[in-house]
Amino acid sequence: MIYQMGSGLMISILFAGFSLALALLLFLLFKLHKVTQFQAGQAELFNSRLDSKENDLAALTISAVGMDRKIELLEQRLSEVEEQLLEVSQHEQGDSSYHSAIRQAQDGASFDQLVDECNISREEADLIVRLYGSSDSGLVSEWSDKNRVDL
């Protein structure tokens, strides 16, 4: 009888052990399921953030291309403005020669001085001397006397 009683106790202990193992296994499966759901949620969140970042990158790329085109247009415009500025500067330098020649002619400079110092042609010097030359000095260019055409 002790043997039978020990065997029933043994079966009860084994049954309790299997029940405990089964409960532990079910608990672990439940936890694993929860962890898997959490990771799936995290993966979905990560993917949506990644999609958002890809959209942001695409928008930035489009903006960069647009900015590149604007910079290209601005560089082209700057080049045009530089050319215009150079033309104006050269024109002003030419005007400066004429202004200098006029001042010198008013101060009584000779025809040859105007040609040499102001870097103007003989015809220009003659015209300036005739228009702006000092009238009391009687200054008349030699070149205009030689090349005068009588009408």
N, C-alpha and C. Protein backbone atom coordinates (compact mmCIF):
# COMPACT_ATOMS: atom_id res chain seq x y z
N MET A 1 0.78 -1.17 0.00
CA MET A 1 0.00 0.00 0.00
C MET A 1 0.86 1.27 0.00
N ILE A 2 1.90 1.23 0.69
CA ILE A 2 2.79 2.38 0.69
C ILE A 2 3.30 2.60 -0.73
N TYR A 3 3.51 1.48 -1.37
CA TYR A 3 3.99 1.61 -2.73
C TYR A 3 2.93 2.26 -3.60
N GLN A 4 1.66 1.86 -3.40
CA GLN A 4 0.58 2.44 -4.18
C GLN A 4 0.40 3.90 -3.80
N MET A 5 0.54 4.20 -2.57
CA MET A 5 0.38 5.56 -2.16
C MET A 5 1.52 6.42 -2.70
N GLY A 6 2.68 5.89 -2.74
CA GLY A 6 3.83 6.61 -3.27
C GLY A 6 3.68 6.80 -4.76
N SER A 7 3.08 5.86 -5.42
CA SER A 7 2.90 5.97 -6.86
C SER A 7 1.85 7.03 -7.18
N GLY A 8 0.79 7.13 -6.42
CA GLY A 8 -0.23 8.15 -6.63
C GLY A 8 0.33 9.54 -6.35
N LEU A 9 1.18 9.62 -5.34
CA LEU A 9 1.81 10.88 -5.01
C LEU A 9 2.78 11.29 -6.11
N MET A 10 3.43 10.30 -6.62
CA MET A 10 4.39 10.54 -7.67
C MET A 10 3.66 11.05 -8.93
N ILE A 11 2.53 10.44 -9.23
CA ILE A 11 1.76 10.85 -10.39
C ILE A 11 1.25 12.27 -10.16
N SER A 12 0.83 12.57 -8.96
CA SER A 12 0.34 13.91 -8.66
C SER A 12 1.45 14.94 -8.81
N ILE A 13 2.63 14.58 -8.35
CA ILE A 13 3.78 15.50 -8.46
C ILE A 13 4.15 15.69 -9.93
N LEU A 14 4.15 14.60 -10.68
CA LEU A 14 4.47 14.70 -12.11
C LEU A 14 3.41 15.53 -12.84
N PHE A 15 2.16 15.29 -12.50
CA PHE A 15 1.07 16.04 -13.12
C PHE A 15 1.21 17.53 -12.78
N ALA A 16 1.54 17.82 -11.54
CA ALA A 16 1.73 19.21 -11.12
C ALA A 16 2.93 19.82 -11.86
N GLY A 17 3.98 19.03 -12.01
CA GLY A 17 5.17 19.51 -12.74
C GLY A 17 4.85 19.80 -14.20
N PHE A 18 4.15 18.86 -14.84
CA PHE A 18 3.76 19.09 -16.24
C PHE A 18 2.81 20.28 -16.36
N SER A 19 1.90 20.42 -15.41
CA SER A 19 0.97 21.54 -15.43
C SER A 19 1.73 22.86 -15.28
N LEU A 20 2.69 22.86 -14.37
CA LEU A 20 3.50 24.06 -14.17
C LEU A 20 4.33 24.36 -15.42
N ALA A 21 4.91 23.34 -16.02
CA ALA A 21 5.70 23.52 -17.24
C ALA A 21 4.82 24.02 -18.37
N LEU A 22 3.61 23.47 -18.49
CA LEU A 22 2.68 23.90 -19.51
C LEU A 22 2.25 25.35 -19.27
N ALA A 23 2.00 25.72 -18.05
CA ALA A 23 1.63 27.11 -17.71
C ALA A 23 2.77 28.04 -18.04
N LEU A 24 4.00 27.64 -17.70
CA LEU A 24 5.18 28.45 -18.01
C LEU A 24 5.35 28.59 -19.51
N LEU A 25 5.15 27.52 -20.25
CA LEU A 25 5.26 27.55 -21.70
C LEU A 25 4.21 28.48 -22.29
N LEU A 26 2.98 28.41 -21.80
CA LEU A 26 1.93 29.29 -22.28
C LEU A 26 2.24 30.76 -21.95
N PHE A 27 2.77 31.01 -20.77
CA PHE A 27 3.16 32.36 -20.36
C PHE A 27 4.25 32.90 -21.29
N LEU A 28 5.25 32.06 -21.59
CA LEU A 28 6.34 32.48 -22.47
C LEU A 28 5.84 32.73 -23.89
N LEU A 29 4.93 31.89 -24.35
CA LEU A 29 4.35 32.12 -25.68
C LEU A 29 3.56 33.42 -25.72
N PHE A 30 2.84 33.72 -24.66
CA PHE A 30 2.10 34.97 -24.57
C PHE A 30 3.06 36.16 -24.61
N LYS A 31 4.13 36.08 -23.84
CA LYS A 31 5.14 37.17 -23.81
C LYS A 31 5.79 37.32 -25.18
N LEU A 32 6.10 36.19 -25.81
CA LEU A 32 6.71 36.23 -27.14
C LEU A 32 5.76 36.89 -28.14
N HIS A 33 4.48 36.57 -28.03
CA HIS A 33 3.48 37.18 -28.90
C HIS A 33 3.43 38.70 -28.67
N LYS A 34 3.46 39.13 -27.42
CA LYS A 34 3.44 40.57 -27.09
C LYS A 34 4.68 41.27 -27.65
N VAL A 35 5.84 40.64 -27.48
CA VAL A 35 7.09 41.22 -27.97
C VAL A 35 7.03 41.32 -29.49
N THR A 36 6.52 40.29 -30.14
CA THR A 36 6.41 40.29 -31.60
C THR A 36 5.47 41.40 -32.06
N GLN A 37 4.36 41.58 -31.36
CA GLN A 37 3.43 42.66 -31.71
C GLN A 37 4.09 44.03 -31.52
N PHE A 38 4.83 44.18 -30.43
CA PHE A 38 5.53 45.44 -30.17
C PHE A 38 6.55 45.72 -31.27
N GLN A 39 7.31 44.69 -31.64
CA GLN A 39 8.32 44.87 -32.70
C GLN A 39 7.66 45.18 -34.04
N ALA A 40 6.52 44.54 -34.29
CA ALA A 40 5.80 44.83 -35.54
C ALA A 40 5.34 46.28 -35.55
N GLY A 41 4.86 46.77 -34.41
CA GLY A 41 4.45 48.17 -34.30
C GLY A 41 5.63 49.11 -34.49
N GLN A 42 6.77 48.74 -33.89
CA GLN A 42 7.97 49.56 -34.03
C GLN A 42 8.44 49.57 -35.49
N ALA A 43 8.37 48.42 -36.15
CA ALA A 43 8.77 48.33 -37.55
C ALA A 43 7.86 49.19 -38.42
N GLU A 44 6.57 49.18 -38.14
CA GLU A 44 5.62 49.99 -38.90
C GLU A 44 5.91 51.47 -38.69
N LEU A 45 6.17 51.85 -37.42
CA LEU A 45 6.51 53.23 -37.12
C LEU A 45 7.81 53.64 -37.82
N PHE A 46 8.80 52.76 -37.78
CA PHE A 46 10.08 53.01 -38.45
C PHE A 46 9.86 53.18 -39.96
N ASN A 47 9.06 52.32 -40.55
CA ASN A 47 8.81 52.41 -41.99
C ASN A 47 8.08 53.70 -42.35
N SER A 48 7.13 54.12 -41.52
CA SER A 48 6.42 55.37 -41.82
C SER A 48 7.37 56.56 -41.68
N ARG A 49 8.24 56.52 -40.69
CA ARG A 49 9.24 57.60 -40.55
C ARG A 49 10.21 57.59 -41.72
N LEU A 50 10.60 56.40 -42.14
CA LEU A 50 11.50 56.28 -43.28
C LEU A 50 10.84 56.83 -44.54
N ASP A 51 9.57 56.50 -44.75
CA ASP A 51 8.84 57.04 -45.89
C ASP A 51 8.79 58.56 -45.83
N SER A 52 8.54 59.10 -44.63
CA SER A 52 8.49 60.55 -44.46
C SER A 52 9.84 61.18 -44.80
N LYS A 53 10.91 60.55 -44.34
CA LYS A 53 12.25 61.08 -44.62
C LYS A 53 12.57 60.99 -46.11
N GLU A 54 12.12 59.92 -46.76
CA GLU A 54 12.34 59.79 -48.20
C GLU A 54 11.59 60.90 -48.94
N ASN A 55 10.37 61.21 -48.49
CA ASN A 55 9.60 62.30 -49.11
C ASN A 55 10.29 63.63 -48.89
N ASP A 56 10.82 63.82 -47.67
CA ASP A 56 11.56 65.06 -47.38
C ASP A 56 12.79 65.18 -48.27
N LEU A 57 13.49 64.07 -48.44
CA LEU A 57 14.69 64.07 -49.28
C LEU A 57 14.34 64.37 -50.73
N ALA A 58 13.24 63.80 -51.21
CA ALA A 58 12.80 64.08 -52.58
C ALA A 58 12.46 65.56 -52.74
N ALA A 59 11.78 66.14 -51.75
CA ALA A 59 11.44 67.56 -51.80
C ALA A 59 12.70 68.42 -51.78
N LEU A 60 13.66 68.05 -50.94
CA LEU A 60 14.91 68.81 -50.88
C LEU A 60 15.69 68.71 -52.19
N THR A 61 15.64 67.55 -52.81
CA THR A 61 16.32 67.37 -54.09
C THR A 61 15.71 68.26 -55.15
N ILE A 62 14.38 68.29 -55.18
CA ILE A 62 13.69 69.16 -56.14
C ILE A 62 14.04 70.62 -55.86
N SER A 63 14.06 71.00 -54.58
CA SER A 63 14.42 72.38 -54.22
C SER A 63 15.85 72.69 -54.63
N ALA A 64 16.75 71.74 -54.43
CA ALA A 64 18.15 71.96 -54.78
C ALA A 64 18.30 72.16 -56.28
N VAL A 65 17.56 71.39 -57.05
CA VAL A 65 17.62 71.56 -58.51
C VAL A 65 17.09 72.94 -58.88
N GLY A 66 15.99 73.35 -58.23
CA GLY A 66 15.45 74.68 -58.49
C GLY A 66 16.43 75.78 -58.09
N MET A 67 17.07 75.61 -56.96
CA MET A 67 18.04 76.60 -56.50
C MET A 67 19.25 76.64 -57.44
N ASP A 68 19.65 75.47 -57.93
CA ASP A 68 20.76 75.41 -58.86
C ASP A 68 20.43 76.21 -60.12
N ARG A 69 19.21 76.08 -60.60
CA ARG A 69 18.77 76.82 -61.79
C ARG A 69 18.74 78.32 -61.49
N LYS A 70 18.25 78.68 -60.29
CA LYS A 70 18.22 80.10 -59.92
C LYS A 70 19.63 80.67 -59.83
N ILE A 71 20.54 79.89 -59.25
CA ILE A 71 21.93 80.35 -59.13
C ILE A 71 22.53 80.52 -60.52
N GLU A 72 22.24 79.59 -61.40
CA GLU A 72 22.74 79.67 -62.78
C GLU A 72 22.22 80.95 -63.45
N LEU A 73 20.93 81.25 -63.27
CA LEU A 73 20.35 82.46 -63.85
C LEU A 73 20.98 83.71 -63.23
N LEU A 74 21.19 83.67 -61.90
CA LEU A 74 21.81 84.82 -61.24
C LEU A 74 23.25 85.03 -61.71
N GLU A 75 23.99 83.93 -61.90
CA GLU A 75 25.36 84.05 -62.40
C GLU A 75 25.36 84.63 -63.81
N GLN A 76 24.40 84.20 -64.62
CA GLN A 76 24.28 84.72 -65.97
C GLN A 76 23.96 86.21 -65.93
N ARG A 77 23.02 86.59 -65.06
CA ARG A 77 22.64 88.00 -64.93
C ARG A 77 23.82 88.82 -64.40
N LEU A 78 24.55 88.25 -63.44
CA LEU A 78 25.72 88.95 -62.91
C LEU A 78 26.75 89.18 -64.00
N SER A 79 26.94 88.19 -64.85
CA SER A 79 27.87 88.33 -65.96
C SER A 79 27.43 89.44 -66.90
N GLU A 80 26.12 89.51 -67.18
CA GLU A 80 25.60 90.58 -68.03
C GLU A 80 25.82 91.94 -67.39
N VAL A 81 25.56 92.04 -66.09
CA VAL A 81 25.74 93.30 -65.38
C VAL A 81 27.22 93.70 -65.38
N GLU A 82 28.11 92.72 -65.19
CA GLU A 82 29.54 93.03 -65.23
C GLU A 82 29.94 93.57 -66.59
N GLU A 83 29.40 92.96 -67.66
CA GLU A 83 29.70 93.45 -69.01
C GLU A 83 29.18 94.88 -69.19
N GLN A 84 27.96 95.14 -68.71
CA GLN A 84 27.40 96.49 -68.82
C GLN A 84 28.23 97.48 -68.02
N LEU A 85 28.66 97.06 -66.83
CA LEU A 85 29.48 97.93 -66.00
C LEU A 85 30.82 98.24 -66.68
N LEU A 86 31.39 97.24 -67.32
CA LEU A 86 32.65 97.44 -68.04
C LEU A 86 32.44 98.42 -69.19
N GLU A 87 31.32 98.27 -69.91
CA GLU A 87 31.02 99.19 -71.01
C GLU A 87 30.85 100.62 -70.49
N VAL A 88 30.11 100.76 -69.39
CA VAL A 88 29.90 102.08 -68.81
C VAL A 88 31.23 102.67 -68.35
N SER A 89 32.05 101.83 -67.73
CA SER A 89 33.35 102.29 -67.25
C SER A 89 34.22 102.75 -68.41
N GLN A 90 34.22 101.97 -69.48
CA GLN A 90 35.01 102.35 -70.66
C GLN A 90 34.46 103.63 -71.28
N HIS A 91 33.13 103.74 -71.30
CA HIS A 91 32.50 104.95 -71.85
C HIS A 91 32.86 106.16 -71.00
N GLU A 92 32.84 105.97 -69.68
CA GLU A 92 33.18 107.08 -68.78
C GLU A 92 34.65 107.47 -68.93
N GLN A 93 35.50 106.45 -69.17
CA GLN A 93 36.91 106.77 -69.37
C GLN A 93 37.08 107.60 -70.64
N GLY A 94 36.31 107.22 -71.67
CA GLY A 94 36.34 108.00 -72.89
C GLY A 94 35.82 109.40 -72.64
N ASP A 95 34.72 109.50 -71.92
CA ASP A 95 34.17 110.81 -71.55
C ASP A 95 35.16 111.59 -70.71
N SER A 96 35.88 110.89 -69.85
CA SER A 96 36.86 111.55 -69.00
C SER A 96 37.95 112.18 -69.85
N SER A 97 38.34 111.49 -70.93
CA SER A 97 39.35 112.06 -71.83
C SER A 97 38.82 113.34 -72.46
N TYR A 98 37.55 113.32 -72.86
CA TYR A 98 36.96 114.51 -73.46
C TYR A 98 36.83 115.63 -72.44
N HIS A 99 36.42 115.30 -71.23
CA HIS A 99 36.29 116.32 -70.18
C HIS A 99 37.66 116.95 -69.89
N SER A 100 38.65 116.08 -69.83
CA SER A 100 40.01 116.59 -69.57
C SER A 100 40.47 117.48 -70.72
N ALA A 101 40.19 117.06 -71.94
CA ALA A 101 40.59 117.86 -73.11
C ALA A 101 39.87 119.21 -73.12
N ILE A 102 38.59 119.21 -72.77
CA ILE A 102 37.82 120.46 -72.73
C ILE A 102 38.41 121.40 -71.68
N ARG A 103 38.71 120.87 -70.49
CA ARG A 103 39.30 121.72 -69.44
C ARG A 103 40.65 122.28 -69.89
N GLN A 104 41.45 121.42 -70.49
CA GLN A 104 42.77 121.89 -70.94
C GLN A 104 42.64 122.94 -72.05
N ALA A 105 41.67 122.73 -72.96
CA ALA A 105 41.47 123.71 -74.04
C ALA A 105 41.00 125.04 -73.45
N GLN A 106 40.13 124.99 -72.45
CA GLN A 106 39.67 126.22 -71.80
C GLN A 106 40.82 126.93 -71.07
N ASP A 107 41.79 126.11 -70.61
CA ASP A 107 42.95 126.70 -69.93
C ASP A 107 44.02 127.14 -70.92
N GLY A 108 43.77 126.95 -72.23
CA GLY A 108 44.70 127.42 -73.24
C GLY A 108 45.68 126.38 -73.73
N ALA A 109 45.40 125.10 -73.52
CA ALA A 109 46.32 124.06 -74.01
C ALA A 109 46.34 124.06 -75.52
N SER A 110 47.47 123.65 -76.07
CA SER A 110 47.60 123.63 -77.52
C SER A 110 46.95 122.37 -78.10
N PHE A 111 46.75 122.41 -79.41
CA PHE A 111 46.16 121.31 -80.15
C PHE A 111 46.98 120.03 -79.93
N ASP A 112 48.28 120.14 -80.06
CA ASP A 112 49.16 118.98 -79.91
C ASP A 112 49.13 118.42 -78.49
N GLN A 113 49.02 119.30 -77.51
CA GLN A 113 48.92 118.84 -76.12
C GLN A 113 47.67 117.98 -75.92
N LEU A 114 46.57 118.43 -76.50
CA LEU A 114 45.33 117.66 -76.36
C LEU A 114 45.46 116.28 -77.00
N VAL A 115 46.05 116.21 -78.16
CA VAL A 115 46.23 114.92 -78.85
C VAL A 115 47.13 114.01 -78.01
N ASP A 116 48.22 114.53 -77.51
CA ASP A 116 49.19 113.72 -76.78
C ASP A 116 48.70 113.33 -75.38
N GLU A 117 48.19 114.28 -74.64
CA GLU A 117 47.86 114.04 -73.24
C GLU A 117 46.49 113.40 -73.02
N CYS A 118 45.55 113.66 -73.91
CA CYS A 118 44.18 113.16 -73.69
C CYS A 118 43.86 111.94 -74.53
N ASN A 119 44.81 111.54 -75.37
CA ASN A 119 44.63 110.34 -76.18
C ASN A 119 43.37 110.43 -77.04
N ILE A 120 43.25 111.56 -77.72
CA ILE A 120 42.12 111.75 -78.63
C ILE A 120 42.66 111.97 -80.03
N SER A 121 41.79 111.81 -81.02
CA SER A 121 42.24 111.97 -82.41
C SER A 121 42.46 113.45 -82.72
N ARG A 122 43.12 113.68 -83.87
CA ARG A 122 43.39 115.05 -84.29
C ARG A 122 42.08 115.79 -84.58
N GLU A 123 41.12 115.06 -85.18
CA GLU A 123 39.84 115.68 -85.49
C GLU A 123 39.11 116.08 -84.20
N GLU A 124 39.15 115.21 -83.20
CA GLU A 124 38.49 115.50 -81.93
C GLU A 124 39.16 116.69 -81.24
N ALA A 125 40.49 116.72 -81.28
CA ALA A 125 41.22 117.83 -80.66
C ALA A 125 40.87 119.15 -81.36
N ASP A 126 40.78 119.11 -82.70
CA ASP A 126 40.44 120.32 -83.46
C ASP A 126 39.06 120.81 -83.07
N LEU A 127 38.08 119.90 -82.97
CA LEU A 127 36.72 120.29 -82.61
C LEU A 127 36.68 120.88 -81.21
N ILE A 128 37.37 120.25 -80.27
CA ILE A 128 37.38 120.75 -78.89
C ILE A 128 38.03 122.13 -78.81
N VAL A 129 39.13 122.31 -79.54
CA VAL A 129 39.81 123.62 -79.53
C VAL A 129 38.88 124.68 -80.11
N ARG A 130 38.18 124.34 -81.20
CA ARG A 130 37.27 125.31 -81.82
C ARG A 130 36.08 125.65 -80.90
N LEU A 131 35.55 124.60 -80.19
CA LEU A 131 34.38 124.83 -79.36
C LEU A 131 34.72 125.43 -78.00
N TYR A 132 35.81 124.96 -77.40
CA TYR A 132 36.08 125.33 -76.01
C TYR A 132 37.39 126.09 -75.81
N GLY A 133 38.13 126.26 -76.87
CA GLY A 133 39.42 126.92 -76.73
C GLY A 133 39.26 128.36 -76.28
N SER A 134 40.30 128.85 -75.67
CA SER A 134 40.30 130.22 -75.16
C SER A 134 40.26 131.18 -76.35
N SER A 135 39.24 132.01 -76.42
CA SER A 135 39.06 132.90 -77.58
C SER A 135 40.06 134.05 -77.57
N ASP A 136 40.50 134.46 -76.40
CA ASP A 136 41.43 135.58 -76.33
C ASP A 136 42.85 135.17 -76.66
N SER A 137 43.13 133.88 -76.66
CA SER A 137 44.49 133.45 -76.95
C SER A 137 44.72 133.34 -78.44
N GLY A 138 43.64 133.31 -79.23
CA GLY A 138 43.79 133.21 -80.68
C GLY A 138 44.28 131.84 -81.09
N LEU A 139 44.06 130.85 -80.25
CA LEU A 139 44.56 129.51 -80.52
C LEU A 139 43.71 128.83 -81.60
N VAL A 140 44.33 128.47 -82.67
CA VAL A 140 43.68 127.72 -83.75
C VAL A 140 44.66 126.63 -84.13
N SER A 141 44.15 125.45 -84.33
CA SER A 141 45.06 124.34 -84.58
C SER A 141 45.66 124.43 -85.97
N GLU A 142 46.90 124.00 -86.05
CA GLU A 142 47.59 123.98 -87.33
C GLU A 142 46.92 122.97 -88.25
N TRP A 143 46.48 121.87 -87.69
CA TRP A 143 45.86 120.80 -88.47
C TRP A 143 44.59 121.31 -89.14
N SER A 144 43.77 122.09 -88.41
CA SER A 144 42.52 122.57 -88.99
C SER A 144 42.79 123.58 -90.10
N ASP A 145 43.88 124.35 -89.97
CA ASP A 145 44.21 125.30 -91.03
C ASP A 145 44.59 124.57 -92.31
N LYS A 146 45.32 123.49 -92.19
CA LYS A 146 45.78 122.72 -93.35
C LYS A 146 44.62 121.95 -93.99
N ASN A 147 43.67 121.51 -93.19
CA ASN A 147 42.61 120.63 -93.68
C ASN A 147 41.25 121.33 -93.78
N ARG A 148 41.24 122.63 -93.81
CA ARG A 148 40.00 123.40 -93.87
C ARG A 148 39.41 123.26 -95.27
N VAL A 149 38.10 123.07 -95.28
CA VAL A 149 37.40 123.00 -96.56
C VAL A 149 36.52 124.23 -96.67
N ASP A 150 36.73 125.00 -97.68
CA ASP A 150 35.93 126.20 -97.88
C ASP A 150 34.70 125.85 -98.66
N LEU A 151 33.59 126.37 -98.22
CA LEU A 151 32.30 126.12 -98.89
C LEU A 151 31.92 127.25 -99.76
